[in-house]
Amino acid sequence: KIDWNKIHLYWGDERCVPPTHDESNYKMTVDHLINKVTIPKENIHRV
């Protein structure tokens, strides 16, 4: 339903860990959202 081309994702805070680390807020978003929708890579602005 959402046009994911419109959506740009950022993070309000992030732990200083690699993006594959279980404590990473980015990884949590990847696992629960980013990997399940068709959002362009350039719309994802991680720490």
ModelCIF file with pLDDT and N, C-alpha, C, O atoms, coordinates in Angstrom:
data_MODEL
#
_entry.id   MODEL 
#
_entity.id                         1 
_entity.type                       polymer 
_entity.pdbx_number_of_molecules   1 
#
_entity_poly.entity_id                      1 
_entity_poly.type                           'polypeptide(L)' 
_entity_poly.nstd_linkage                   no 
_entity_poly.nstd_monomer                   no 
_entity_poly.pdbx_seq_one_letter_code       KIDWNKIHLYWGDERCVPPTHDESNYKMTVDHLINKVTIPKENIHRV 
_entity_poly.pdbx_seq_one_letter_code_can   KIDWNKIHLYWGDERCVPPTHDESNYKMTVDHLINKVTIPKENIHRV 
_entity_poly.pdbx_strand_id                 A 
#
loop_
_entity_poly_seq.entity_id 
_entity_poly_seq.num 
_entity_poly_seq.mon_id 
_entity_poly_seq.hetero 
1 1  LYS n 
1 2  ILE n 
1 3  ASP n 
1 4  TRP n 
1 5  ASN n 
1 6  LYS n 
1 7  ILE n 
1 8  HIS n 
1 9  LEU n 
1 10 TYR n 
1 11 TRP n 
1 12 GLY n 
1 13 ASP n 
1 14 GLU n 
1 15 ARG n 
1 16 CYS n 
1 17 VAL n 
1 18 PRO n 
1 19 PRO n 
1 20 THR n 
1 21 HIS n 
1 22 ASP n 
1 23 GLU n 
1 24 SER n 
1 25 ASN n 
1 26 TYR n 
1 27 LYS n 
1 28 MET n 
1 29 THR n 
1 30 VAL n 
1 31 ASP n 
1 32 HIS n 
1 33 LEU n 
1 34 ILE n 
1 35 ASN n 
1 36 LYS n 
1 37 VAL n 
1 38 THR n 
1 39 ILE n 
1 40 PRO n 
1 41 LYS n 
1 42 GLU n 
1 43 ASN n 
1 44 ILE n 
1 45 HIS n 
1 46 ARG n 
1 47 VAL n 
#
_struct_asym.id          A 
_struct_asym.entity_id   1 
#
loop_
_ma_qa_metric.id 
_ma_qa_metric.mode 
_ma_qa_metric.name 
_ma_qa_metric.software_group_id 
_ma_qa_metric.type 
1 global pLDDT . pLDDT 
2 local  pLDDT . pLDDT 
#
_ma_qa_metric_global.metric_id      1 
_ma_qa_metric_global.metric_value   97.68 
_ma_qa_metric_global.model_id       1 
_ma_qa_metric_global.ordinal_id     1 
#
loop_
_ma_qa_metric_local.label_asym_id 
_ma_qa_metric_local.label_comp_id 
_ma_qa_metric_local.label_seq_id 
_ma_qa_metric_local.metric_id 
_ma_qa_metric_local.metric_value 
_ma_qa_metric_local.model_id 
_ma_qa_metric_local.ordinal_id 
A LYS 1  2 96.00 1 1  
A ILE 2  2 97.00 1 2  
A ASP 3  2 97.00 1 3  
A TRP 4  2 98.00 1 4  
A ASN 5  2 98.00 1 5  
A LYS 6  2 97.00 1 6  
A ILE 7  2 98.00 1 7  
A HIS 8  2 98.00 1 8  
A LEU 9  2 98.00 1 9  
A TYR 10 2 98.00 1 10 
A TRP 11 2 98.00 1 11 
A GLY 12 2 98.00 1 12 
A ASP 13 2 98.00 1 13 
A GLU 14 2 98.00 1 14 
A ARG 15 2 97.00 1 15 
A CYS 16 2 97.00 1 16 
A VAL 17 2 98.00 1 17 
A PRO 18 2 98.00 1 18 
A PRO 19 2 98.00 1 19 
A THR 20 2 98.00 1 20 
A HIS 21 2 98.00 1 21 
A ASP 22 2 97.00 1 22 
A GLU 23 2 96.00 1 23 
A SER 24 2 98.00 1 24 
A ASN 25 2 97.00 1 25 
A TYR 26 2 98.00 1 26 
A LYS 27 2 98.00 1 27 
A MET 28 2 98.00 1 28 
A THR 29 2 98.00 1 29 
A VAL 30 2 98.00 1 30 
A ASP 31 2 98.00 1 31 
A HIS 32 2 97.00 1 32 
A LEU 33 2 98.00 1 33 
A ILE 34 2 98.00 1 34 
A ASN 35 2 98.00 1 35 
A LYS 36 2 97.00 1 36 
A VAL 37 2 98.00 1 37 
A THR 38 2 97.00 1 38 
A ILE 39 2 98.00 1 39 
A PRO 40 2 98.00 1 40 
A LYS 41 2 97.00 1 41 
A GLU 42 2 98.00 1 42 
A ASN 43 2 98.00 1 43 
A ILE 44 2 98.00 1 44 
A HIS 45 2 98.00 1 45 
A ARG 46 2 98.00 1 46 
A VAL 47 2 98.00 1 47 
#
loop_
_atom_site.group_PDB 
_atom_site.id 
_atom_site.type_symbol 
_atom_site.label_atom_id 
_atom_site.label_alt_id 
_atom_site.label_comp_id 
_atom_site.label_asym_id 
_atom_site.label_entity_id 
_atom_site.label_seq_id 
_atom_site.pdbx_PDB_ins_code 
_atom_site.Cartn_x 
_atom_site.Cartn_y 
_atom_site.Cartn_z 
_atom_site.occupancy 
_atom_site.B_iso_or_equiv 
_atom_site.pdbx_formal_charge 
_atom_site.auth_seq_id 
_atom_site.auth_comp_id 
_atom_site.auth_asym_id 
_atom_site.auth_atom_id 
_atom_site.pdbx_PDB_model_num 
ATOM 1   N N  . LYS A 1 1  ? 0.820  -1.217 0.000  1.00 96.00 ? 1  LYS A N  1 
ATOM 2   C CA . LYS A 1 1  ? 0.000  0.000  0.000  1.00 96.00 ? 1  LYS A CA 1 
ATOM 3   C C  . LYS A 1 1  ? 0.856  1.269  0.000  1.00 96.00 ? 1  LYS A C  1 
ATOM 4   O O  . LYS A 1 1  ? 0.525  2.248  -0.669 1.00 96.00 ? 1  LYS A O  1 
ATOM 5   N N  . ILE A 1 2  ? 1.945  1.244  0.748  1.00 97.00 ? 2  ILE A N  1 
ATOM 6   C CA . ILE A 1 2  ? 2.817  2.413  0.818  1.00 97.00 ? 2  ILE A CA 1 
ATOM 7   C C  . ILE A 1 2  ? 3.727  2.433  -0.409 1.00 97.00 ? 2  ILE A C  1 
ATOM 8   O O  . ILE A 1 2  ? 4.260  1.400  -0.814 1.00 97.00 ? 2  ILE A O  1 
ATOM 9   N N  . ASP A 1 3  ? 3.898  3.610  -0.990 1.00 97.00 ? 3  ASP A N  1 
ATOM 10  C CA . ASP A 1 3  ? 4.888  3.786  -2.055 1.00 97.00 ? 3  ASP A CA 1 
ATOM 11  C C  . ASP A 1 3  ? 6.237  3.992  -1.371 1.00 97.00 ? 3  ASP A C  1 
ATOM 12  O O  . ASP A 1 3  ? 6.568  5.097  -0.942 1.00 97.00 ? 3  ASP A O  1 
ATOM 13  N N  . TRP A 1 4  ? 7.006  2.913  -1.275 1.00 98.00 ? 4  TRP A N  1 
ATOM 14  C CA . TRP A 1 4  ? 8.260  2.952  -0.519 1.00 98.00 ? 4  TRP A CA 1 
ATOM 15  C C  . TRP A 1 4  ? 9.327  3.804  -1.190 1.00 98.00 ? 4  TRP A C  1 
ATOM 16  O O  . TRP A 1 4  ? 10.331 4.140  -0.563 1.00 98.00 ? 4  TRP A O  1 
ATOM 17  N N  . ASN A 1 5  ? 9.127  4.159  -2.450 1.00 98.00 ? 5  ASN A N  1 
ATOM 18  C CA . ASN A 1 5  ? 10.054 5.090  -3.099 1.00 98.00 ? 5  ASN A CA 1 
ATOM 19  C C  . ASN A 1 5  ? 10.015 6.472  -2.455 1.00 98.00 ? 5  ASN A C  1 
ATOM 20  O O  . ASN A 1 5  ? 10.963 7.247  -2.575 1.00 98.00 ? 5  ASN A O  1 
ATOM 21  N N  . LYS A 1 6  ? 8.915  6.773  -1.773 1.00 97.00 ? 6  LYS A N  1 
ATOM 22  C CA . LYS A 1 6  ? 8.758  8.070  -1.116 1.00 97.00 ? 6  LYS A CA 1 
ATOM 23  C C  . LYS A 1 6  ? 9.417  8.124  0.264  1.00 97.00 ? 6  LYS A C  1 
ATOM 24  O O  . LYS A 1 6  ? 9.721  9.204  0.770  1.00 97.00 ? 6  LYS A O  1 
ATOM 25  N N  . ILE A 1 7  ? 9.632  6.967  0.861  1.00 98.00 ? 7  ILE A N  1 
ATOM 26  C CA . ILE A 1 7  ? 10.039 6.905  2.258  1.00 98.00 ? 7  ILE A CA 1 
ATOM 27  C C  . ILE A 1 7  ? 11.558 6.966  2.394  1.00 98.00 ? 7  ILE A C  1 
ATOM 28  O O  . ILE A 1 7  ? 12.283 6.218  1.738  1.00 98.00 ? 7  ILE A O  1 
ATOM 29  N N  . HIS A 1 8  ? 12.022 7.859  3.245  1.00 98.00 ? 8  HIS A N  1 
ATOM 30  C CA . HIS A 1 8  ? 13.447 7.933  3.591  1.00 98.00 ? 8  HIS A CA 1 
ATOM 31  C C  . HIS A 1 8  ? 13.600 7.653  5.086  1.00 98.00 ? 8  HIS A C  1 
ATOM 32  O O  . HIS A 1 8  ? 13.005 8.329  5.925  1.00 98.00 ? 8  HIS A O  1 
ATOM 33  N N  . LEU A 1 9  ? 14.410 6.645  5.396  1.00 98.00 ? 9  LEU A N  1 
ATOM 34  C CA . LEU A 1 9  ? 14.576 6.209  6.780  1.00 98.00 ? 9  LEU A CA 1 
ATOM 35  C C  . LEU A 1 9  ? 15.893 6.711  7.368  1.00 98.00 ? 9  LEU A C  1 
ATOM 36  O O  . LEU A 1 9  ? 16.951 6.629  6.743  1.00 98.00 ? 9  LEU A O  1 
ATOM 37  N N  . TYR A 1 10 ? 15.793 7.228  8.577  1.00 98.00 ? 10 TYR A N  1 
ATOM 38  C CA . TYR A 1 10 ? 16.934 7.678  9.364  1.00 98.00 ? 10 TYR A CA 1 
ATOM 39  C C  . TYR A 1 10 ? 16.787 7.072  10.761 1.00 98.00 ? 10 TYR A C  1 
ATOM 40  O O  . TYR A 1 10 ? 15.819 6.366  11.045 1.00 98.00 ? 10 TYR A O  1 
ATOM 41  N N  . TRP A 1 11 ? 17.758 7.358  11.624 1.00 98.00 ? 11 TRP A N  1 
ATOM 42  C CA . TRP A 1 11 ? 17.685 6.838  12.994 1.00 98.00 ? 11 TRP A CA 1 
ATOM 43  C C  . TRP A 1 11 ? 17.936 7.965  13.979 1.00 98.00 ? 11 TRP A C  1 
ATOM 44  O O  . TRP A 1 11 ? 18.828 8.793  13.793 1.00 98.00 ? 11 TRP A O  1 
ATOM 45  N N  . GLY A 1 12 ? 17.130 7.979  15.027 1.00 98.00 ? 12 GLY A N  1 
ATOM 46  C CA . GLY A 1 12 ? 17.273 8.999  16.064 1.00 98.00 ? 12 GLY A CA 1 
ATOM 47  C C  . GLY A 1 12 ? 18.495 8.774  16.927 1.00 98.00 ? 12 GLY A C  1 
ATOM 48  O O  . GLY A 1 12 ? 19.059 9.720  17.477 1.00 98.00 ? 12 GLY A O  1 
ATOM 49  N N  . ASP A 1 13 ? 18.902 7.526  17.046 1.00 98.00 ? 13 ASP A N  1 
ATOM 50  C CA . ASP A 1 13 ? 20.142 7.201  17.745 1.00 98.00 ? 13 ASP A CA 1 
ATOM 51  C C  . ASP A 1 13 ? 20.595 5.818  17.307 1.00 98.00 ? 13 ASP A C  1 
ATOM 52  O O  . ASP A 1 13 ? 19.821 5.031  16.761 1.00 98.00 ? 13 ASP A O  1 
ATOM 53  N N  . GLU A 1 14 ? 21.853 5.546  17.559 1.00 98.00 ? 14 GLU A N  1 
ATOM 54  C CA . GLU A 1 14 ? 22.409 4.251  17.196 1.00 98.00 ? 14 GLU A CA 1 
ATOM 55  C C  . GLU A 1 14 ? 23.548 3.894  18.141 1.00 98.00 ? 14 GLU A C  1 
ATOM 56  O O  . GLU A 1 14 ? 24.321 4.756  18.559 1.00 98.00 ? 14 GLU A O  1 
ATOM 57  N N  . ARG A 1 15 ? 23.636 2.632  18.463 1.00 97.00 ? 15 ARG A N  1 
ATOM 58  C CA . ARG A 1 15 ? 24.757 2.137  19.259 1.00 97.00 ? 15 ARG A CA 1 
ATOM 59  C C  . ARG A 1 15 ? 25.980 2.003  18.348 1.00 97.00 ? 15 ARG A C  1 
ATOM 60  O O  . ARG A 1 15 ? 25.851 1.696  17.163 1.00 97.00 ? 15 ARG A O  1 
ATOM 61  N N  . CYS A 1 16 ? 27.139 2.230  18.901 1.00 97.00 ? 16 CYS A N  1 
ATOM 62  C CA . CYS A 1 16 ? 28.371 2.131  18.106 1.00 97.00 ? 16 CYS A CA 1 
ATOM 63  C C  . CYS A 1 16 ? 28.808 0.670  18.009 1.00 97.00 ? 16 CYS A C  1 
ATOM 64  O O  . CYS A 1 16 ? 29.753 0.224  18.660 1.00 97.00 ? 16 CYS A O  1 
ATOM 65  N N  . VAL A 1 17 ? 28.081 -0.039 17.174 1.00 98.00 ? 17 VAL A N  1 
ATOM 66  C CA . VAL A 1 17 ? 28.331 -1.453 16.889 1.00 98.00 ? 17 VAL A CA 1 
ATOM 67  C C  . VAL A 1 17 ? 28.197 -1.639 15.373 1.00 98.00 ? 17 VAL A C  1 
ATOM 68  O O  . VAL A 1 17 ? 27.616 -0.786 14.701 1.00 98.00 ? 17 VAL A O  1 
ATOM 69  N N  . PRO A 1 18 ? 28.725 -2.739 14.824 1.00 98.00 ? 18 PRO A N  1 
ATOM 70  C CA . PRO A 1 18 ? 28.556 -2.983 13.389 1.00 98.00 ? 18 PRO A CA 1 
ATOM 71  C C  . PRO A 1 18 ? 27.083 -3.150 13.010 1.00 98.00 ? 18 PRO A C  1 
ATOM 72  O O  . PRO A 1 18 ? 26.260 -3.475 13.867 1.00 98.00 ? 18 PRO A O  1 
ATOM 73  N N  . PRO A 1 19 ? 26.742 -2.932 11.741 1.00 98.00 ? 19 PRO A N  1 
ATOM 74  C CA . PRO A 1 19 ? 25.338 -3.002 11.319 1.00 98.00 ? 19 PRO A CA 1 
ATOM 75  C C  . PRO A 1 19 ? 24.741 -4.401 11.379 1.00 98.00 ? 19 PRO A C  1 
ATOM 76  O O  . PRO A 1 19 ? 23.527 -4.559 11.251 1.00 98.00 ? 19 PRO A O  1 
ATOM 77  N N  . THR A 1 20 ? 25.568 -5.409 11.570 1.00 98.00 ? 20 THR A N  1 
ATOM 78  C CA . THR A 1 20 ? 25.074 -6.785 11.698 1.00 98.00 ? 20 THR A CA 1 
ATOM 79  C C  . THR A 1 20 ? 24.962 -7.226 13.149 1.00 98.00 ? 20 THR A C  1 
ATOM 80  O O  . THR A 1 20 ? 24.580 -8.363 13.426 1.00 98.00 ? 20 THR A O  1 
ATOM 81  N N  . HIS A 1 21 ? 25.290 -6.339 14.070 1.00 98.00 ? 21 HIS A N  1 
ATOM 82  C CA . HIS A 1 21 ? 25.289 -6.663 15.503 1.00 98.00 ? 21 HIS A CA 1 
ATOM 83  C C  . HIS A 1 21 ? 23.856 -6.702 16.039 1.00 98.00 ? 21 HIS A C  1 
ATOM 84  O O  . HIS A 1 21 ? 23.012 -5.907 15.625 1.00 98.00 ? 21 HIS A O  1 
ATOM 85  N N  . ASP A 1 22 ? 23.592 -7.614 16.945 1.00 97.00 ? 22 ASP A N  1 
ATOM 86  C CA . ASP A 1 22 ? 22.231 -7.762 17.476 1.00 97.00 ? 22 ASP A CA 1 
ATOM 87  C C  . ASP A 1 22 ? 21.744 -6.534 18.235 1.00 97.00 ? 22 ASP A C  1 
ATOM 88  O O  . ASP A 1 22 ? 20.536 -6.356 18.390 1.00 97.00 ? 22 ASP A O  1 
ATOM 89  N N  . GLU A 1 23 ? 22.652 -5.681 18.713 1.00 96.00 ? 23 GLU A N  1 
ATOM 90  C CA . GLU A 1 23 ? 22.244 -4.481 19.441 1.00 96.00 ? 23 GLU A CA 1 
ATOM 91  C C  . GLU A 1 23 ? 22.040 -3.275 18.517 1.00 96.00 ? 23 GLU A C  1 
ATOM 92  O O  . GLU A 1 23 ? 21.675 -2.193 18.976 1.00 96.00 ? 23 GLU A O  1 
ATOM 93  N N  . SER A 1 24 ? 22.273 -3.461 17.242 1.00 98.00 ? 24 SER A N  1 
ATOM 94  C CA . SER A 1 24 ? 22.131 -2.355 16.289 1.00 98.00 ? 24 SER A CA 1 
ATOM 95  C C  . SER A 1 24 ? 20.665 -2.045 16.017 1.00 98.00 ? 24 SER A C  1 
ATOM 96  O O  . SER A 1 24 ? 19.888 -2.934 15.669 1.00 98.00 ? 24 SER A O  1 
ATOM 97  N N  . ASN A 1 25 ? 20.292 -0.774 16.177 1.00 97.00 ? 25 ASN A N  1 
ATOM 98  C CA . ASN A 1 25 ? 18.927 -0.360 15.818 1.00 97.00 ? 25 ASN A CA 1 
ATOM 99  C C  . ASN A 1 25 ? 18.689 -0.534 14.323 1.00 97.00 ? 25 ASN A C  1 
ATOM 100 O O  . ASN A 1 25 ? 17.587 -0.877 13.897 1.00 97.00 ? 25 ASN A O  1 
ATOM 101 N N  . TYR A 1 26 ? 19.721 -0.298 13.540 1.00 98.00 ? 26 TYR A N  1 
ATOM 102 C CA . TYR A 1 26 ? 19.616 -0.499 12.095 1.00 98.00 ? 26 TYR A CA 1 
ATOM 103 C C  . TYR A 1 26 ? 19.281 -1.956 11.778 1.00 98.00 ? 26 TYR A C  1 
ATOM 104 O O  . TYR A 1 26 ? 18.377 -2.231 10.990 1.00 98.00 ? 26 TYR A O  1 
ATOM 105 N N  . LYS A 1 27 ? 20.012 -2.887 12.393 1.00 98.00 ? 27 LYS A N  1 
ATOM 106 C CA . LYS A 1 27 ? 19.767 -4.311 12.133 1.00 98.00 ? 27 LYS A CA 1 
ATOM 107 C C  . LYS A 1 27 ? 18.337 -4.695 12.490 1.00 98.00 ? 27 LYS A C  1 
ATOM 108 O O  . LYS A 1 27 ? 17.694 -5.453 11.762 1.00 98.00 ? 27 LYS A O  1 
ATOM 109 N N  . MET A 1 28 ? 17.841 -4.177 13.602 1.00 98.00 ? 28 MET A N  1 
ATOM 110 C CA . MET A 1 28 ? 16.464 -4.485 13.991 1.00 98.00 ? 28 MET A CA 1 
ATOM 111 C C  . MET A 1 28 ? 15.482 -4.013 12.917 1.00 98.00 ? 28 MET A C  1 
ATOM 112 O O  . MET A 1 28 ? 14.511 -4.704 12.609 1.00 98.00 ? 28 MET A O  1 
ATOM 113 N N  . THR A 1 29 ? 15.739 -2.841 12.354 1.00 98.00 ? 29 THR A N  1 
ATOM 114 C CA . THR A 1 29 ? 14.868 -2.326 11.299 1.00 98.00 ? 29 THR A CA 1 
ATOM 115 C C  . THR A 1 29 ? 14.991 -3.160 10.030 1.00 98.00 ? 29 THR A C  1 
ATOM 116 O O  . THR A 1 29 ? 13.996 -3.419 9.352  1.00 98.00 ? 29 THR A O  1 
ATOM 117 N N  . VAL A 1 30 ? 16.214 -3.581 9.710  1.00 98.00 ? 30 VAL A N  1 
ATOM 118 C CA . VAL A 1 30 ? 16.426 -4.449 8.548  1.00 98.00 ? 30 VAL A CA 1 
ATOM 119 C C  . VAL A 1 30 ? 15.625 -5.736 8.701  1.00 98.00 ? 30 VAL A C  1 
ATOM 120 O O  . VAL A 1 30 ? 14.920 -6.149 7.781  1.00 98.00 ? 30 VAL A O  1 
ATOM 121 N N  . ASP A 1 31 ? 15.739 -6.368 9.873  1.00 98.00 ? 31 ASP A N  1 
ATOM 122 C CA . ASP A 1 31 ? 15.092 -7.668 10.101 1.00 98.00 ? 31 ASP A CA 1 
ATOM 123 C C  . ASP A 1 31 ? 13.573 -7.580 10.083 1.00 98.00 ? 31 ASP A C  1 
ATOM 124 O O  . ASP A 1 31 ? 12.899 -8.496 9.612  1.00 98.00 ? 31 ASP A O  1 
ATOM 125 N N  . HIS A 1 32 ? 13.035 -6.480 10.595 1.00 97.00 ? 32 HIS A N  1 
ATOM 126 C CA . HIS A 1 32 ? 11.577 -6.392 10.768 1.00 97.00 ? 32 HIS A CA 1 
ATOM 127 C C  . HIS A 1 32 ? 10.871 -5.558 9.710  1.00 97.00 ? 32 HIS A C  1 
ATOM 128 O O  . HIS A 1 32 ? 9.646  -5.609 9.598  1.00 97.00 ? 32 HIS A O  1 
ATOM 129 N N  . LEU A 1 33 ? 11.634 -4.784 8.928  1.00 98.00 ? 33 LEU A N  1 
ATOM 130 C CA . LEU A 1 33 ? 10.975 -3.932 7.929  1.00 98.00 ? 33 LEU A CA 1 
ATOM 131 C C  . LEU A 1 33 ? 11.706 -3.900 6.587  1.00 98.00 ? 33 LEU A C  1 
ATOM 132 O O  . LEU A 1 33 ? 11.137 -4.274 5.562  1.00 98.00 ? 33 LEU A O  1 
ATOM 133 N N  . ILE A 1 34 ? 12.951 -3.458 6.589  1.00 98.00 ? 34 ILE A N  1 
ATOM 134 C CA . ILE A 1 34 ? 13.638 -3.159 5.325  1.00 98.00 ? 34 ILE A CA 1 
ATOM 135 C C  . ILE A 1 34 ? 13.712 -4.378 4.415  1.00 98.00 ? 34 ILE A C  1 
ATOM 136 O O  . ILE A 1 34 ? 13.517 -4.262 3.205  1.00 98.00 ? 34 ILE A O  1 
ATOM 137 N N  . ASN A 1 35 ? 13.993 -5.546 4.987  1.00 98.00 ? 35 ASN A N  1 
ATOM 138 C CA . ASN A 1 35 ? 14.099 -6.764 4.167  1.00 98.00 ? 35 ASN A CA 1 
ATOM 139 C C  . ASN A 1 35 ? 12.747 -7.251 3.642  1.00 98.00 ? 35 ASN A C  1 
ATOM 140 O O  . ASN A 1 35 ? 12.697 -8.159 2.812  1.00 98.00 ? 35 ASN A O  1 
ATOM 141 N N  . LYS A 1 36 ? 11.651 -6.652 4.121  1.00 97.00 ? 36 LYS A N  1 
ATOM 142 C CA . LYS A 1 36 ? 10.319 -7.147 3.777  1.00 97.00 ? 36 LYS A CA 1 
ATOM 143 C C  . LYS A 1 36 ? 9.542  -6.209 2.860  1.00 97.00 ? 36 LYS A C  1 
ATOM 144 O O  . LYS A 1 36 ? 8.420  -6.513 2.454  1.00 97.00 ? 36 LYS A O  1 
ATOM 145 N N  . VAL A 1 37 ? 10.152 -5.055 2.533  1.00 98.00 ? 37 VAL A N  1 
ATOM 146 C CA . VAL A 1 37 ? 9.489  -4.095 1.647  1.00 98.00 ? 37 VAL A CA 1 
ATOM 147 C C  . VAL A 1 37 ? 10.469 -3.678 0.553  1.00 98.00 ? 37 VAL A C  1 
ATOM 148 O O  . VAL A 1 37 ? 11.669 -3.935 0.647  1.00 98.00 ? 37 VAL A O  1 
ATOM 149 N N  . THR A 1 38 ? 9.941  -3.035 -0.480 1.00 97.00 ? 38 THR A N  1 
ATOM 150 C CA . THR A 1 38 ? 10.783 -2.657 -1.627 1.00 97.00 ? 38 THR A CA 1 
ATOM 151 C C  . THR A 1 38 ? 11.183 -1.194 -1.517 1.00 97.00 ? 38 THR A C  1 
ATOM 152 O O  . THR A 1 38 ? 10.757 -0.358 -2.314 1.00 97.00 ? 38 THR A O  1 
ATOM 153 N N  . ILE A 1 39 ? 12.006 -0.897 -0.520 1.00 98.00 ? 39 ILE A N  1 
ATOM 154 C CA . ILE A 1 39 ? 12.493 0.471  -0.345 1.00 98.00 ? 39 ILE A CA 1 
ATOM 155 C C  . ILE A 1 39 ? 13.858 0.594  -1.009 1.00 98.00 ? 39 ILE A C  1 
ATOM 156 O O  . ILE A 1 39 ? 14.719 -0.263 -0.806 1.00 98.00 ? 39 ILE A O  1 
ATOM 157 N N  . PRO A 1 40 ? 14.072 1.649  -1.800 1.00 98.00 ? 40 PRO A N  1 
ATOM 158 C CA . PRO A 1 40 ? 15.372 1.802  -2.471 1.00 98.00 ? 40 PRO A CA 1 
ATOM 159 C C  . PRO A 1 40 ? 16.510 1.941  -1.458 1.00 98.00 ? 40 PRO A C  1 
ATOM 160 O O  . PRO A 1 40 ? 16.353 2.575  -0.415 1.00 98.00 ? 40 PRO A O  1 
ATOM 161 N N  . LYS A 1 41 ? 17.654 1.341  -1.781 1.00 97.00 ? 41 LYS A N  1 
ATOM 162 C CA . LYS A 1 41 ? 18.814 1.409  -0.878 1.00 97.00 ? 41 LYS A CA 1 
ATOM 163 C C  . LYS A 1 41 ? 19.229 2.844  -0.590 1.00 97.00 ? 41 LYS A C  1 
ATOM 164 O O  . LYS A 1 41 ? 19.654 3.170  0.518  1.00 97.00 ? 41 LYS A O  1 
ATOM 165 N N  . GLU A 1 42 ? 19.101 3.698  -1.604 1.00 98.00 ? 42 GLU A N  1 
ATOM 166 C CA . GLU A 1 42 ? 19.539 5.083  -1.416 1.00 98.00 ? 42 GLU A CA 1 
ATOM 167 C C  . GLU A 1 42 ? 18.608 5.873  -0.494 1.00 98.00 ? 42 GLU A C  1 
ATOM 168 O O  . GLU A 1 42 ? 18.918 7.005  -0.122 1.00 98.00 ? 42 GLU A O  1 
ATOM 169 N N  . ASN A 1 43 ? 17.479 5.285  -0.130 1.00 98.00 ? 43 ASN A N  1 
ATOM 170 C CA . ASN A 1 43 ? 16.550 5.940  0.802  1.00 98.00 ? 43 ASN A CA 1 
ATOM 171 C C  . ASN A 1 43 ? 16.831 5.554  2.250  1.00 98.00 ? 43 ASN A C  1 
ATOM 172 O O  . ASN A 1 43 ? 16.117 5.987  3.154  1.00 98.00 ? 43 ASN A O  1 
ATOM 173 N N  . ILE A 1 44 ? 17.849 4.756  2.478  1.00 98.00 ? 44 ILE A N  1 
ATOM 174 C CA . ILE A 1 44 ? 18.174 4.283  3.819  1.00 98.00 ? 44 ILE A CA 1 
ATOM 175 C C  . ILE A 1 44 ? 19.443 4.987  4.279  1.00 98.00 ? 44 ILE A C  1 
ATOM 176 O O  . ILE A 1 44 ? 20.507 4.814  3.686  1.00 98.00 ? 44 ILE A O  1 
ATOM 177 N N  . HIS A 1 45 ? 19.326 5.775  5.331  1.00 98.00 ? 45 HIS A N  1 
ATOM 178 C CA . HIS A 1 45 ? 20.407 6.659  5.770  1.00 98.00 ? 45 HIS A CA 1 
ATOM 179 C C  . HIS A 1 45 ? 20.824 6.257  7.187  1.00 98.00 ? 45 HIS A C  1 
ATOM 180 O O  . HIS A 1 45 ? 20.364 6.834  8.173  1.00 98.00 ? 45 HIS A O  1 
ATOM 181 N N  . ARG A 1 46 ? 21.692 5.268  7.265  1.00 98.00 ? 46 ARG A N  1 
ATOM 182 C CA . ARG A 1 46 ? 22.036 4.721  8.583  1.00 98.00 ? 46 ARG A CA 1 
ATOM 183 C C  . ARG A 1 46 ? 23.225 5.455  9.207  1.00 98.00 ? 46 ARG A C  1 
ATOM 184 O O  . ARG A 1 46 ? 23.984 6.146  8.528  1.00 98.00 ? 46 ARG A O  1 
ATOM 185 N N  . VAL A 1 47 ? 23.356 5.284  10.499 1.00 98.00 ? 47 VAL A N  1 
ATOM 186 C CA . VAL A 1 47 ? 24.531 5.735  11.239 1.00 98.00 ? 47 VAL A CA 1 
ATOM 187 C C  . VAL A 1 47 ? 25.624 4.671  11.062 1.00 98.00 ? 47 VAL A C  1 
ATOM 188 O O  . VAL A 1 47 ? 26.723 4.820  11.595 1.00 98.00 ? 47 VAL A O  1 
#
